[in-house]
Amino acid sequence: MSILHVVRLPCHQHQVHYHHQADFIIDEHTLFEIGGAGKTKKQIKSLDASYLALDNIEVGHHHTIPLWMFGLLY
């Protein structure tokens, strides 16, 4: 699943924009960074309401969401 695909999923009801510190921001509040299973929160740790959407993981925890779960929104 590409970043563009994930960004387009919630667009019908929310404003989605690219962000300079994360991959994108929804409704000027919630930030998402997309990466592989080894990606850390280092890039977005100082940002409130930020989440990692990671590929190749089955279960999320804290602010980590499996990338495949975005497919359930489609």
C-alpha atoms as a PDB file:
ATOM      1  CA  MET A   1       0.000   0.000   0.000  1.00  0.00           C
ATOM      2  CA  SER A   2       1.508   3.326  -1.008  1.00  0.00           C
ATOM      3  CA  ILE A   3       1.547   6.509   1.061  1.00  0.00           C
ATOM      4  CA  LEU A   4      -0.733   8.122  -1.501  1.00  0.00           C
ATOM      5  CA  HIS A   5      -3.288   5.324  -1.063  1.00  0.00           C
ATOM      6  CA  VAL A   6      -3.294   5.706   2.732  1.00  0.00           C
ATOM      7  CA  VAL A   7      -3.651   9.486   2.442  1.00  0.00           C
ATOM      8  CA  ARG A   8      -6.638   9.214   0.096  1.00  0.00           C
ATOM      9  CA  LEU A   9      -8.637   6.885   2.356  1.00  0.00           C
ATOM     10  CA  PRO A  10     -10.002   9.460   4.824  1.00  0.00           C
ATOM     11  CA  CYS A  11     -10.161  12.393   2.372  1.00  0.00           C
ATOM     12  CA  HIS A  12     -13.914  12.334   1.866  1.00  0.00           C
ATOM     13  CA  GLN A  13     -14.693  13.499   5.388  1.00  0.00           C
ATOM     14  CA  HIS A  14     -11.403  15.061   6.527  1.00  0.00           C
ATOM     15  CA  GLN A  15      -8.741  17.475   5.343  1.00  0.00           C
ATOM     16  CA  VAL A  16      -5.465  15.693   4.578  1.00  0.00           C
ATOM     17  CA  HIS A  17      -2.192  17.495   3.855  1.00  0.00           C
ATOM     18  CA  TYR A  18       1.471  16.617   3.611  1.00  0.00           C
ATOM     19  CA  HIS A  19       3.491  17.674   6.646  1.00  0.00           C
ATOM     20  CA  HIS A  20       7.123  18.797   6.905  1.00  0.00           C
ATOM     21  CA  GLN A  21       7.928  16.552   9.916  1.00  0.00           C
ATOM     22  CA  ALA A  22       5.648  13.584   9.243  1.00  0.00           C
ATOM     23  CA  ASP A  23       4.218  12.039   6.086  1.00  0.00           C
ATOM     24  CA  PHE A  24       0.818  13.691   6.463  1.00  0.00           C
ATOM     25  CA  ILE A  25      -1.556  15.469   8.830  1.00  0.00           C
ATOM     26  CA  ILE A  26      -5.330  15.037   9.100  1.00  0.00           C
ATOM     27  CA  ASP A  27      -7.582  17.950  10.100  1.00  0.00           C
ATOM     28  CA  GLU A  28      -4.551  20.021  11.170  1.00  0.00           C
ATOM     29  CA  HIS A  29      -4.268  17.809  14.253  1.00  0.00           C
ATOM     30  CA  THR A  30      -3.353  14.142  13.784  1.00  0.00           C
ATOM     31  CA  LEU A  31       0.034  13.272  12.255  1.00  0.00           C
ATOM     32  CA  PHE A  32       1.008  10.001  10.588  1.00  0.00           C
ATOM     33  CA  GLU A  33       4.428   8.689   9.645  1.00  0.00           C
ATOM     34  CA  ILE A  34       4.513   5.589   7.438  1.00  0.00           C
ATOM     35  CA  GLY A  35       7.360   3.081   7.379  1.00  0.00           C
ATOM     36  CA  GLY A  36       8.552  -0.471   7.679  1.00  0.00           C
ATOM     37  CA  ALA A  37       8.543  -2.591  10.815  1.00  0.00           C
ATOM     38  CA  GLY A  38      11.899  -1.132  11.913  1.00  0.00           C
ATOM     39  CA  LYS A  39      10.769   2.509  11.756  1.00  0.00           C
ATOM     40  CA  THR A  40      10.958   4.289  15.109  1.00  0.00           C
ATOM     41  CA  LYS A  41       9.034   7.237  16.511  1.00  0.00           C
ATOM     42  CA  LYS A  42      12.264   9.277  16.610  1.00  0.00           C
ATOM     43  CA  GLN A  43      11.154  11.536  13.742  1.00  0.00           C
ATOM     44  CA  ILE A  44       7.798  12.426  15.350  1.00  0.00           C
ATOM     45  CA  LYS A  45       8.407  11.877  19.084  1.00  0.00           C
ATOM     46  CA  SER A  46       8.161  15.588  19.912  1.00  0.00           C
ATOM     47  CA  LEU A  47       4.847  15.990  18.058  1.00  0.00           C
ATOM     48  CA  ASP A  48       1.515  15.636  19.837  1.00  0.00           C
ATOM     49  CA  ALA A  49      -1.164  13.378  18.319  1.00  0.00           C
ATOM     50  CA  SER A  50       1.348  11.531  16.141  1.00  0.00           C
ATOM     51  CA  TYR A  51       1.188   7.903  15.032  1.00  0.00           C
ATOM     52  CA  LEU A  52       3.313   5.411  13.137  1.00  0.00           C
ATOM     53  CA  ALA A  53       1.626   3.330  10.438  1.00  0.00           C
ATOM     54  CA  LEU A  54       3.975   0.388   9.968  1.00  0.00           C
ATOM     55  CA  ASP A  55       4.190  -2.315   7.342  1.00  0.00           C
ATOM     56  CA  ASN A  56       5.020  -5.932   8.234  1.00  0.00           C
ATOM     57  CA  ILE A  57       3.543  -5.879  11.741  1.00  0.00           C
ATOM     58  CA  GLU A  58       0.415  -7.740  12.792  1.00  0.00           C
ATOM     59  CA  VAL A  59      -0.587  -5.906  15.963  1.00  0.00           C
ATOM     60  CA  GLY A  60      -0.203  -2.274  16.989  1.00  0.00           C
ATOM     61  CA  HIS A  61       0.480  -0.808  20.406  1.00  0.00           C
ATOM     62  CA  HIS A  62       0.546   2.691  21.897  1.00  0.00           C
ATOM     63  CA  HIS A  63       0.829   5.028  18.892  1.00  0.00           C
ATOM     64  CA  THR A  64       1.742   2.318  16.377  1.00  0.00           C
ATOM     65  CA  ILE A  65      -0.845   1.064  13.873  1.00  0.00           C
ATOM     66  CA  PRO A  66      -0.371  -1.812  11.416  1.00  0.00           C
ATOM     67  CA  LEU A  67      -0.471  -0.408   7.886  1.00  0.00           C
ATOM     68  CA  TRP A  68      -2.885  -3.151   6.771  1.00  0.00           C
ATOM     69  CA  MET A  69      -5.572  -1.717   9.084  1.00  0.00           C
ATOM     70  CA  PHE A  70      -5.875   1.337   6.828  1.00  0.00           C
ATOM     71  CA  GLY A  71      -7.158  -1.046   4.171  1.00  0.00           C
ATOM     72  CA  LEU A  72     -10.207  -1.688   6.361  1.00  0.00           C
ATOM     73  CA  LEU A  73     -11.232   1.943   5.825  1.00  0.00           C
ATOM     74  CA  TYR A  74     -11.432   1.524   2.056  1.00  0.00           C
END
